[in-house]
Amino acid sequence: MADKRLDEMAEDATAEWLCRSSITYLECAISLMLTHMTKEAVLEVMRAETKMLEELD
């Protein structure tokens, strides 16, 4: 029983780390885009990506 709980805790911690890491990666990508693109161009890309994501099934 303790092993099962430990496994669940490890899975939860891994999922949380992956989520935080993914958000950090996205923030870094946006920052990189802003170093050589206008804010308006970045927004246009992000809107297009958002639309594509919303259309995913």
Protein backbone atom coordinates (compact mmCIF):
# COMPACT_ATOMS: atom_id res chain seq x y z
CA MET A 1 0.00 0.00 0.00
CA ALA A 2 2.82 2.40 0.85
CA ASP A 3 4.53 1.53 -2.44
CA LYS A 4 1.35 2.38 -4.35
CA ARG A 5 1.09 5.75 -2.59
CA LEU A 6 4.75 6.48 -3.29
CA ASP A 7 4.22 5.63 -6.96
CA GLU A 8 1.21 7.97 -7.09
CA MET A 9 3.20 10.77 -5.46
CA ALA A 10 6.02 10.28 -7.96
CA GLU A 11 3.59 10.33 -10.90
CA ASP A 12 1.93 13.51 -9.57
CA ALA A 13 5.28 15.22 -9.05
CA THR A 14 6.40 14.23 -12.55
CA ALA A 15 3.18 15.56 -14.10
CA GLU A 16 3.51 18.87 -12.22
CA TRP A 17 7.16 19.23 -13.26
CA LEU A 18 6.31 18.53 -16.91
CA CYS A 19 3.53 21.12 -16.81
CA ARG A 20 5.76 23.79 -15.25
CA SER A 21 8.60 22.96 -17.64
CA SER A 22 6.29 23.19 -20.64
CA ILE A 23 5.06 26.61 -19.58
CA THR A 24 8.63 27.80 -19.00
CA TYR A 25 9.60 26.52 -22.46
CA LEU A 26 6.69 28.44 -24.01
CA GLU A 27 7.66 31.60 -22.15
CA CYS A 28 11.24 31.27 -23.40
CA ALA A 29 10.04 30.76 -26.97
CA ILE A 30 7.87 33.87 -26.76
CA SER A 31 10.77 35.87 -25.32
CA LEU A 32 13.01 34.67 -28.13
CA MET A 33 10.41 35.65 -30.73
CA LEU A 34 10.18 39.12 -29.17
CA THR A 35 13.91 39.64 -29.61
CA HIS A 36 13.60 39.67 -33.41
CA MET A 37 9.90 40.16 -34.15
CA THR A 38 7.46 42.92 -33.34
CA LYS A 39 4.95 42.34 -30.59
CA GLU A 40 2.21 42.51 -33.22
CA ALA A 41 3.88 39.77 -35.30
CA VAL A 42 4.26 37.57 -32.22
CA LEU A 43 0.60 38.10 -31.37
CA GLU A 44 -0.37 37.13 -34.92
CA VAL A 45 1.61 33.89 -34.64
CA MET A 46 0.17 33.15 -31.20
CA ARG A 47 -3.39 33.77 -32.42
CA ALA A 48 -2.85 31.42 -35.37
CA GLU A 49 -1.42 28.76 -33.05
CA THR A 50 -4.33 29.24 -30.64
CA LYS A 51 -6.83 28.80 -33.46
CA MET A 52 -5.09 25.63 -34.60
CA LEU A 53 -5.08 24.30 -31.03
CA GLU A 54 -8.80 25.07 -30.61
CA GLU A 55 -9.55 23.10 -33.78
CA LEU A 56 -7.74 19.98 -32.57
CA ASP A 57 -10.01 17.08 -31.74
